[in-house]
Protein backbone atom coordinates (compact mmCIF):
# COMPACT_ATOMS: atom_id res chain seq x y z
CA MET A 1 -2.71 -9.27 11.52
CA ALA A 2 -5.61 -11.71 11.44
CA LEU A 3 -7.40 -11.49 8.14
CA SER A 4 -10.78 -11.88 9.81
CA SER A 5 -10.30 -8.52 11.48
CA LEU A 6 -10.68 -6.78 8.13
CA THR A 7 -14.41 -7.47 8.14
CA GLY A 8 -14.66 -4.53 10.52
CA LEU A 9 -13.90 -2.21 7.64
CA SER A 10 -17.63 -2.13 6.94
CA LEU A 11 -18.09 -0.10 10.11
CA VAL A 12 -16.33 2.89 8.60
CA SER A 13 -18.08 2.85 5.24
CA LEU A 14 -15.22 1.57 3.11
CA LEU A 15 -16.91 1.03 -0.20
CA SER A 16 -14.70 -1.41 -2.03
CA PHE A 17 -11.14 -2.62 -2.01
CA GLY A 18 -11.48 -4.12 -5.47
CA TYR A 19 -8.51 -6.41 -5.89
CA LEU A 20 -5.90 -6.18 -3.16
CA SER A 21 -2.74 -8.14 -3.72
CA TRP A 22 -0.24 -8.54 -0.90
CA ASP A 23 2.08 -10.78 -2.89
CA TRP A 24 4.27 -7.95 -4.21
CA VAL A 25 6.76 -9.05 -1.56
CA LYS A 26 8.16 -12.16 -3.19
CA SER A 27 9.81 -14.88 -1.18
CA GLY A 28 13.44 -14.06 -0.45
CA VAL A 29 13.14 -10.36 -1.28
CA LEU A 30 13.59 -9.35 2.33
CA GLU A 31 16.88 -11.19 2.83
CA ASN A 32 18.99 -8.04 2.35
CA GLU A 33 16.70 -5.61 4.16
CA PRO A 34 17.93 -3.67 7.23
CA SER A 35 17.84 -5.62 10.47
CA ILE A 36 15.48 -2.99 11.90
CA TYR A 37 12.71 -4.50 9.78
CA PRO A 38 10.35 -6.09 12.33
CA GLN A 39 10.92 -9.82 12.63
CA LYS A 40 7.27 -10.63 13.19
CA THR A 41 6.24 -8.74 10.08
CA PHE A 42 9.00 -10.52 8.18
CA GLN A 43 7.57 -13.87 9.18
CA LEU A 44 4.06 -12.82 8.25
CA ARG A 45 5.05 -11.60 4.82
CA THR A 46 7.18 -14.56 3.88
CA LYS A 47 4.20 -16.83 4.54
CA SER A 48 2.51 -15.27 1.48
CA PRO A 49 -0.78 -14.08 3.04
CA PRO A 50 -3.85 -15.02 0.96
CA HIS A 51 -5.14 -12.59 -1.63
CA ILE A 52 -7.95 -10.38 -0.47
CA ILE A 53 -10.35 -10.71 -3.34
CA PHE A 54 -13.07 -8.20 -2.54
CA ILE A 55 -15.06 -6.44 0.12
CA LEU A 56 -18.47 -4.95 -0.65
CA THR A 57 -19.77 -2.70 2.06
CA ASP A 58 -21.94 0.29 2.83
CA ASP A 59 -23.44 2.11 5.78
CA GLN A 60 -25.67 -0.88 6.50
CA GLY A 61 -22.83 -3.36 6.86
CA PHE A 62 -20.95 -5.67 4.56
CA HIS A 63 -22.76 -7.55 1.81
CA ASP A 64 -20.14 -10.18 1.19
CA VAL A 65 -16.50 -10.54 2.08
CA GLY A 66 -14.13 -13.12 0.72
CA TYR A 67 -10.55 -14.23 1.10
CA HIS A 68 -8.88 -16.76 -1.10
CA GLY A 69 -8.13 -19.78 1.09
CA SER A 70 -9.79 -18.36 4.21
CA ASP A 71 -12.19 -20.09 6.60
CA ILE A 72 -14.80 -17.34 6.27
CA GLU A 73 -18.05 -18.36 4.61
CA THR A 74 -18.08 -16.70 1.21
CA PRO A 75 -20.99 -17.90 -0.93
CA THR A 76 -20.36 -15.42 -3.72
CA LEU A 77 -16.67 -16.27 -3.84
CA ASP A 78 -17.35 -20.02 -3.68
CA LYS A 79 -19.78 -19.74 -6.58
CA LEU A 80 -17.19 -17.91 -8.66
CA ALA A 81 -14.56 -20.52 -7.86
CA SER A 82 -16.91 -23.37 -8.76
CA GLU A 83 -17.49 -21.73 -12.13
CA GLY A 84 -13.77 -21.77 -12.84
CA VAL A 85 -13.20 -18.02 -12.45
CA LYS A 86 -9.57 -17.12 -11.76
CA LEU A 87 -9.99 -15.35 -8.45
CA GLU A 88 -6.68 -13.53 -8.57
CA ASN A 89 -7.88 -11.71 -11.69
CA TYR A 90 -11.36 -10.95 -10.40
CA TYR A 91 -12.63 -7.41 -10.03
CA VAL A 92 -15.96 -6.13 -8.75
CA GLN A 93 -17.69 -2.82 -9.23
CA PRO A 94 -18.57 -0.80 -6.11
CA ILE A 95 -22.13 -1.35 -4.85
CA CYS A 96 -23.54 0.87 -2.15
CA THR A 97 -26.87 2.07 -0.77
CA PRO A 98 -25.98 4.98 1.50
CA SER A 99 -28.25 5.45 4.48
CA ARG A 100 -28.06 9.24 4.51
CA SER A 101 -28.16 11.98 1.93
CA GLN A 102 -27.81 15.12 3.99
CA LEU A 103 -25.56 17.96 2.96
CA ILE A 104 -22.14 17.72 4.58
CA THR A 105 -19.40 20.25 5.03
CA GLY A 106 -15.71 19.97 4.30
CA SER A 107 -15.35 19.14 7.99
CA HIS A 108 -17.70 16.18 7.69
CA CYS A 109 -15.89 15.03 4.56
CA ILE A 110 -12.49 14.90 6.26
CA GLN A 111 -14.13 13.32 9.31
CA GLN A 112 -15.22 10.33 7.23
CA ILE A 113 -11.73 10.04 5.77
CA LEU A 114 -10.18 10.18 9.24
CA GLU A 115 -12.60 7.56 10.54
CA ALA A 116 -11.55 5.24 7.73
CA VAL A 117 -7.85 5.95 8.37
CA LEU A 118 -8.29 5.41 12.12
CA HIS A 119 -9.89 2.03 11.58
CA CYS A 120 -7.16 1.00 9.16
CA HIS A 121 -4.51 2.03 11.68
CA GLN A 122 -6.28 0.13 14.45
CA MET A 123 -6.16 -2.92 12.19
CA GLY A 124 -2.44 -2.37 11.57
CA VAL A 125 -2.85 -1.15 7.98
CA VAL A 126 -1.08 1.93 6.55
CA HIS A 127 -2.64 3.07 3.25
CA ARG A 128 0.43 5.00 1.93
CA ASP A 129 -1.38 6.47 -1.09
CA LEU A 130 -4.13 8.72 0.23
CA LYS A 131 -5.14 11.37 -2.33
CA PRO A 132 -8.37 12.83 -3.77
CA GLU A 133 -8.31 10.35 -6.64
CA ASN A 134 -8.68 7.54 -4.09
CA LEU A 135 -11.71 9.10 -2.41
CA LEU A 136 -14.99 7.87 -3.84
CA LEU A 137 -18.52 9.14 -3.38
CA ALA A 138 -21.11 6.45 -2.70
CA SER A 139 -23.40 7.95 -5.34
CA LYS A 140 -23.87 11.01 -7.54
CA THR A 141 -26.43 12.49 -5.15
CA LYS A 142 -25.59 15.46 -2.98
CA GLY A 143 -24.37 14.53 0.47
CA ALA A 144 -23.19 11.07 -0.61
CA ALA A 145 -20.87 9.32 1.83
CA VAL A 146 -17.14 9.52 1.16
CA LYS A 147 -15.36 6.20 0.68
CA LEU A 148 -11.69 5.25 0.81
CA ALA A 149 -10.35 3.13 -2.06
CA ASP A 150 -7.22 1.68 -3.69
CA PHE A 151 -5.18 -0.17 -1.10
CA GLY A 152 -2.66 -1.33 -3.71
CA LEU A 153 0.30 0.19 -1.82
CA ALA A 154 -0.97 -0.57 1.69
CA ILE A 155 1.34 -2.30 4.16
CA GLU A 156 0.94 -3.90 7.58
CA VAL A 157 2.59 -2.57 10.73
CA GLU A 158 2.53 -3.52 14.38
CA GLY A 159 1.46 -0.84 16.81
CA ASP A 160 3.27 2.44 16.28
CA GLN A 161 6.38 0.90 14.75
CA GLN A 162 8.46 2.88 12.29
CA ALA A 163 10.29 0.79 9.69
CA TRP A 164 11.84 0.76 6.26
CA PHE A 165 9.59 -0.95 3.80
CA VAL A 166 10.83 -3.04 0.93
CA PHE A 167 8.64 -1.37 -1.69
CA MET A 168 10.56 1.86 -1.32
CA PHE A 169 13.80 0.11 -2.23
CA LEU A 170 12.35 -1.92 -5.08
CA ALA A 171 10.48 0.72 -7.03
CA GLY A 172 11.25 4.14 -5.61
CA PHE A 173 8.99 5.97 -3.19
CA ALA A 174 5.63 4.32 -2.54
CA GLY A 175 2.90 6.90 -3.04
CA THR A 176 2.13 9.99 -5.13
CA PRO A 177 4.76 12.81 -5.14
CA GLY A 178 2.60 15.69 -3.84
CA TYR A 179 1.30 13.61 -0.92
CA LEU A 180 4.56 12.00 0.25
CA SER A 181 5.63 12.87 3.78
CA PRO A 182 9.04 14.31 4.73
CA GLU A 183 10.16 11.09 6.44
CA VAL A 184 9.48 9.06 3.30
CA LEU A 185 11.48 11.53 1.18
CA ARG A 186 14.32 11.43 3.73
CA LYS A 187 14.22 7.62 3.48
CA ASP A 188 13.71 7.42 7.22
CA PRO A 189 11.75 4.62 8.89
CA TYR A 190 8.06 5.47 8.67
CA GLY A 191 4.63 4.23 9.67
CA LYS A 192 1.08 5.42 10.33
CA PRO A 193 1.91 9.17 10.46
CA VAL A 194 2.43 9.19 6.67
CA ASP A 195 -1.33 8.79 6.23
CA LEU A 196 -2.02 11.82 8.45
CA TRP A 197 0.37 13.93 6.39
CA ALA A 198 -1.57 12.94 3.26
CA CYS A 199 -4.83 13.79 5.05
CA GLY A 200 -3.43 17.28 5.67
CA VAL A 201 -2.72 17.70 1.97
CA ILE A 202 -6.22 16.43 1.12
CA LEU A 203 -7.88 18.79 3.62
CA TYR A 204 -5.93 21.71 2.17
CA ILE A 205 -7.19 20.78 -1.31
CA LEU A 206 -10.76 20.26 -0.09
CA LEU A 207 -10.88 23.79 1.26
CA VAL A 208 -9.35 25.78 -1.60
CA GLY A 209 -8.99 23.48 -4.61
CA TYR A 210 -5.19 23.49 -4.97
CA PRO A 211 -2.39 21.62 -3.14
CA PRO A 212 -0.09 23.07 -0.46
CA PHE A 213 3.06 21.86 -2.23
CA TRP A 214 3.60 22.36 -5.93
CA ASP A 215 6.49 22.71 -8.36
CA GLU A 216 6.98 21.48 -11.90
CA ASP A 217 10.43 20.27 -10.88
CA GLN A 218 10.09 17.18 -8.70
CA HIS A 219 13.34 17.85 -6.84
CA ARG A 220 12.16 21.32 -5.81
CA LEU A 221 8.76 19.85 -4.89
CA TYR A 222 10.47 17.36 -2.57
CA GLN A 223 12.54 20.17 -1.03
CA GLN A 224 9.31 22.08 -0.27
CA ILE A 225 7.78 19.03 1.38
CA LYS A 226 10.85 18.21 3.47
CA ALA A 227 10.96 21.83 4.66
CA GLY A 228 7.21 21.96 5.27
CA ALA A 229 7.12 25.10 3.11
CA TYR A 230 3.45 25.98 2.61
CA ASP A 231 1.20 28.92 3.50
CA PHE A 232 -2.40 30.12 3.46
CA PRO A 233 -2.48 32.84 0.78
CA SER A 234 -5.24 35.39 0.21
CA PRO A 235 -7.92 35.59 -0.92
CA GLU A 236 -8.78 31.88 -0.88
CA TRP A 237 -7.88 31.39 2.77
CA ASP A 238 -9.37 34.61 4.13
CA THR A 239 -12.71 32.96 4.91
CA VAL A 240 -11.28 29.69 6.26
CA THR A 241 -11.50 29.42 10.04
CA PRO A 242 -8.37 29.44 12.25
CA GLU A 243 -9.41 26.01 13.56
CA ALA A 244 -9.25 24.51 10.07
CA LYS A 245 -5.80 25.99 9.52
CA ASP A 246 -4.71 24.69 12.93
CA LEU A 247 -5.76 21.15 12.02
CA ILE A 248 -3.86 21.38 8.73
CA ASN A 249 -0.77 22.60 10.59
CA LYS A 250 -0.99 19.68 13.01
CA MET A 251 -1.33 17.22 10.12
CA LEU A 252 1.51 18.80 8.15
CA THR A 253 3.97 18.68 11.04
CA ILE A 254 7.41 17.70 9.74
CA ASN A 255 8.32 15.55 12.76
CA PRO A 256 6.15 12.40 12.52
CA ALA A 257 6.46 11.84 16.28
CA LYS A 258 4.74 15.20 16.87
CA ARG A 259 2.22 14.86 14.06
CA ILE A 260 -1.41 14.52 15.08
CA THR A 261 -2.87 10.99 14.99
CA ALA A 262 -6.17 10.01 13.39
CA ALA A 263 -7.78 9.59 16.82
CA GLU A 264 -6.53 13.01 17.95
CA ALA A 265 -7.65 14.64 14.71
CA LEU A 266 -11.19 13.33 15.20
CA LYS A 267 -11.23 15.09 18.59
CA HIS A 268 -9.99 18.37 17.12
CA PRO A 269 -12.53 21.23 17.58
CA TRP A 270 -12.91 21.73 13.84
CA ILE A 271 -14.14 18.13 13.61
CA SER A 272 -15.78 17.40 16.95
CA HIS A 273 -17.49 20.82 17.30
CA ARG A 274 -18.27 21.26 13.65
CA SER A 275 -21.58 23.03 14.19
CA THR A 276 -19.93 25.88 16.09
CA VAL A 277 -16.42 26.27 14.67
CA ALA A 278 -16.38 24.70 11.20
CA SER A 279 -17.01 26.72 8.10
CA CYS A 280 -20.56 26.65 6.79
CA MET A 281 -19.17 25.88 3.35
CA HIS A 282 -21.75 23.84 1.50
CA ARG A 283 -20.80 20.31 0.53
CA GLN A 284 -21.34 21.27 -3.10
CA GLU A 285 -18.64 23.92 -2.69
CA THR A 286 -16.30 21.22 -1.45
CA VAL A 287 -17.12 19.18 -4.54
CA ASP A 288 -16.55 22.26 -6.69
CA CYS A 289 -13.12 22.65 -5.07
CA LEU A 290 -12.32 19.06 -5.96
CA LYS A 291 -13.53 19.67 -9.52
CA LYS A 292 -11.24 22.68 -9.78
CA PHE A 293 -8.37 20.65 -8.41
CA ASN A 294 -9.03 17.79 -10.85
CA ALA A 295 -9.24 20.29 -13.72
CA ARG A 296 -5.88 21.73 -12.70
CA ARG A 297 -4.49 18.21 -12.36
CA LYS A 298 -5.68 17.27 -15.86
CA LEU A 299 -4.29 20.50 -17.29
CA LYS A 300 -1.04 19.87 -15.45
CA GLY A 301 -0.95 16.36 -16.91
CA ALA A 302 -1.46 17.70 -20.42
CA ILE A 303 1.22 20.35 -19.91
CA LEU A 304 3.68 17.83 -18.47
CA THR A 305 2.97 15.43 -21.33
CA THR A 306 3.67 18.18 -23.85
CA MET A 307 6.78 19.26 -21.95
CA LEU A 308 8.02 15.68 -21.83
CA ALA A 309 7.42 15.18 -25.55
CA THR A 310 9.16 18.47 -26.33
CA ARG A 311 12.07 17.60 -24.07
CA ASN A 312 12.43 14.14 -25.64
CA PHE A 313 12.28 15.76 -29.08
CA SER A 314 15.03 18.19 -28.08
CA VAL A 315 17.15 15.44 -26.50
CA ARG A 316 17.01 13.34 -29.66
CA LYS A 317 18.00 16.33 -31.78
CA GLN A 318 21.00 16.99 -29.55
CA GLU A 319 21.87 13.31 -29.80
CA ILE A 320 21.95 13.53 -33.61
CA ILE A 321 24.18 16.62 -33.50
CA LYS A 322 26.52 14.85 -31.08
CA VAL A 323 26.96 11.70 -33.19
CA THR A 324 27.47 13.86 -36.29
CA GLU A 325 30.24 15.78 -34.52
CA GLN A 326 31.81 12.48 -33.44
CA LEU A 327 31.71 11.24 -37.04
CA ILE A 328 33.40 14.39 -38.34
CA GLU A 329 36.00 14.19 -35.57
CA ALA A 330 36.86 10.66 -36.72
CA ILE A 331 37.22 11.99 -40.28
CA SER A 332 39.45 14.89 -39.16
CA ASN A 333 41.66 12.50 -37.18
CA GLY A 334 41.90 10.00 -40.03
CA ASP A 335 40.39 7.35 -37.75
CA PHE A 336 38.89 4.91 -40.24
CA GLU A 337 38.10 2.32 -37.55
CA SER A 338 35.88 4.74 -35.62
CA TYR A 339 34.40 6.00 -38.88
CA THR A 340 33.32 2.52 -39.98
CA LYS A 341 31.64 1.87 -36.61
CA MET A 342 29.40 4.86 -37.26
CA CYS A 343 28.58 3.91 -40.85
CA ASP A 344 26.28 1.25 -42.22
CA PRO A 345 28.38 -1.21 -44.29
CA SER A 346 26.14 -0.46 -47.29
CA ILE A 347 26.28 3.32 -46.88
CA THR A 348 25.51 5.34 -50.00
CA ALA A 349 26.87 8.78 -50.84
CA PHE A 350 26.89 11.60 -53.38
CA GLU A 351 30.05 13.71 -53.09
CA PRO A 352 32.25 15.81 -55.40
CA GLU A 353 35.09 13.26 -55.42
CA ALA A 354 32.74 10.70 -57.01
CA LEU A 355 32.02 13.10 -59.90
CA GLY A 356 28.27 12.86 -59.54
CA ASN A 357 28.14 9.08 -59.16
CA LEU A 358 26.36 7.31 -56.32
CA VAL A 359 28.96 5.55 -54.20
CA GLU A 360 27.99 2.50 -52.16
CA GLY A 361 29.98 0.88 -49.38
CA LEU A 362 33.12 1.99 -47.55
CA ASP A 363 35.89 1.08 -50.02
CA PHE A 364 35.67 4.41 -51.84
CA HIS A 365 36.18 6.27 -48.57
CA ARG A 366 38.92 3.92 -47.32
CA PHE A 367 41.29 5.21 -50.04
CA TYR A 368 41.24 8.74 -48.64
CA PHE A 369 41.71 7.61 -45.06
CA GLU A 370 44.72 5.44 -45.97
CA ASN A 371 46.44 7.89 -48.31
CA LEU A 372 45.41 11.45 -47.48
CA TRP A 373 46.22 11.34 -43.78
CA SER A 374 49.61 10.36 -42.39
CA LYS A 375 51.46 10.68 -39.13
CA ASN A 376 52.79 14.05 -40.26
CA SER A 377 49.42 15.45 -41.28
CA LYS A 378 48.69 19.00 -40.28
CA PRO A 379 45.83 19.69 -37.87
CA VAL A 380 42.33 19.93 -39.29
CA HIS A 381 39.57 21.87 -37.58
CA THR A 382 35.92 21.46 -38.52
CA THR A 383 32.92 23.55 -37.54
CA ILE A 384 29.24 22.70 -38.08
CA LEU A 385 27.01 25.70 -38.78
CA ASN A 386 23.20 25.97 -38.69
CA PRO A 387 22.35 22.30 -38.17
CA HIS A 388 18.74 21.38 -38.99
CA ILE A 389 17.41 18.03 -37.80
CA HIS A 390 14.32 16.22 -39.02
CA LEU A 391 13.30 13.26 -36.89
CA ILE A 392 11.86 10.42 -38.94
CA GLY A 393 9.94 8.25 -36.53
CA GLU A 394 11.75 6.85 -33.50
CA GLU A 395 14.69 5.23 -35.27
CA ALA A 396 15.78 7.62 -38.03
CA ALA A 397 16.82 11.23 -38.48
CA CYS A 398 18.12 13.58 -41.15
CA ILE A 399 20.60 16.36 -40.40
CA ALA A 400 21.55 19.14 -42.82
CA TYR A 401 24.28 21.69 -42.08
CA ILE A 402 27.10 23.81 -43.45
CA ARG A 403 30.55 22.44 -42.72
CA ILE A 404 33.58 24.70 -42.47
CA THR A 405 36.92 22.89 -42.62
CA GLN A 406 40.18 24.66 -41.75
CA TYR A 407 43.49 22.98 -42.62
CA ILE A 408 47.07 23.58 -43.72
CA ASP A 409 47.92 22.70 -47.32
CA CYS A 410 51.10 21.03 -48.55
CA ASN A 411 52.79 24.43 -48.87
CA GLY A 412 52.07 25.30 -45.26
CA MET A 413 49.38 27.74 -46.19
CA PRO A 414 46.11 27.94 -44.22
CA ARG A 415 43.05 26.96 -46.17
CA THR A 416 39.32 26.96 -45.55
CA ALA A 417 36.80 24.80 -47.36
CA GLN A 418 33.04 24.98 -47.18
CA SER A 419 30.56 22.25 -48.02
CA GLU A 420 26.85 21.70 -47.60
CA GLU A 421 26.08 18.29 -46.18
CA THR A 422 23.06 16.13 -45.48
CA ARG A 423 23.36 12.90 -43.51
CA ILE A 424 20.72 10.24 -42.85
CA TRP A 425 21.08 8.40 -39.55
CA HIS A 426 19.38 5.15 -38.61
CA ARG A 427 19.38 3.58 -35.16
CA ARG A 428 19.88 -0.18 -34.88
CA ASP A 429 20.11 -1.94 -31.54
CA GLY A 430 20.35 1.43 -29.83
CA LYS A 431 23.31 2.56 -31.98
CA TRP A 432 23.16 5.36 -34.57
CA GLN A 433 24.74 4.70 -37.99
CA ILE A 434 24.98 6.73 -41.20
CA VAL A 435 23.09 5.09 -44.08
CA HIS A 436 23.43 7.92 -46.64
CA PHE A 437 25.06 11.31 -47.02
CA HIS A 438 25.12 13.98 -49.69
CA ARG A 439 27.87 16.58 -49.86
CA SER A 440 28.19 19.50 -52.25
CA GLY A 441 31.05 21.93 -52.65
CA THR A 442 34.61 21.76 -53.97
CA SER A 443 36.55 18.51 -54.00
CA SER A 444 39.05 18.87 -51.20
CA GLY A 445 39.73 15.32 -50.13
CA ILE A 446 39.42 16.51 -46.57
CA ALA A 447 35.73 15.97 -46.08
CA LYS A 448 34.05 12.59 -46.12
C-alpha cells in the first residue's frame, strides 16, 4: 500500500494516529508462517515500511502529515528532525476544530465510525482493535464529531484477502477480548470483516450501555462469541427500533463471508434513512450510555483486580501448604537428601529434642535421619491439621499447624504423637526453603 494514500484519512475525520509503528514484524519473523500468507504482503513487510509519525486532521482537512523517510513535504516534521528530536519517540496531542456542532443520534455516531472503517478498508488497512475506548470526541461540546484512534494493532491486507497474521502467533489474539470476532478465536484466516464485528459490539453498547457478550471467565466469553450467543433483553431494548437490531444482527454474523461490509452498512436503512427509521435518541443519551458502560468497565476492572489479588493470595497459601507437606513426607520417609534441599543450610530450630536450646544448621537433624530410620522401619503417617499461613511480602511466609504423627513403636504397638509446629519459609531463586521452625510437644524422635 502506498504510504501517500494515507493522506486521504483526513476525508473521514480521523483525528490523530499519534505514533503508529509498523516495525513489530521484525526481519525474519515470517520465515515459519503458513504458506497461505500473501507473498506480496510478505515482501512489503520485510522491507520495513517507514514509521508513520503523525497525522493531524479535522473536518477541514489535514494540517500536517509526516512520514519518516518519505518524499512528502513535512515542514513540521523537518523542523523537529533538525532540532534533534528522535522521531520514533515523538507523540502529538490531538488538535481539531470541528466544523459542526449539531446534535447527533446513535445512528449518526455509528455512521461516522463506519465511514472511517470504510476508508481504512479501501486503503487496505484493518484496524483490529475497534472499541469505545478508541473512539474520541473532537471536543467536549455536544454534537462533537467522533474520531477513530489507536492503530497500534492495525495490519495491511490486499483486497478481500483472508490470512493468518503473525501477531496472533507471537503474542496471542490481537485485539480486546469482548470485541474479538469468531474467526479470530477459531484461529481461522481473517481480514476486514473483523472490524465490522467490532462495530456491531460497539453499536450494541452505544444503544444500551452494556456489551452483547460478557462473562467473568474468558473461556466462557470466547464460547459465547464463537456461538454468536447474544440477545436483546427487556426493558433496555424495548424502545430500540427493529432496523437497529437488524443492523446489529448483520454485523454480528458468525460467518465472515456473510457479514455485512462497511459500504453495505452505510446503505442500511437505519443509517441511510436515519430521519425516518432511526431512534430519536438524543446524542447526549448515547454519551450517557457510554458513560454507563465505562463505569461498568471500571468497576469490572476493580473487581477483576481484587479477584486476581485474592486468587494469587490463595494460590501462594496453597503453595506453602504443599511444600510443607513435601517436607514432612521427606521426614516420614527418612529422606535426608530431599529434606536438606528444602532447608536453608543455616536453618535454626527450637524443638523438644534440643532441650530448649536453639539449634542451627543441619547436623543436629542428620543424627535422627541416620539412626532413627532404617530399612526395616515401620510406616509413619502424618496429618497436618488447621494450617494457618501468614504471607510476609512476596518471598516469605509463616505456617502454623497441628501435626498428628501415627507410627508403630519398637514393640509393634500403634502410637500417636501430637506437636504444634511453626515453620518460616523463604523463597530464593524461585525455590522455597525452611529458614526456621519451632516445634512443641513430647520428644518422639519422629518429628523434625
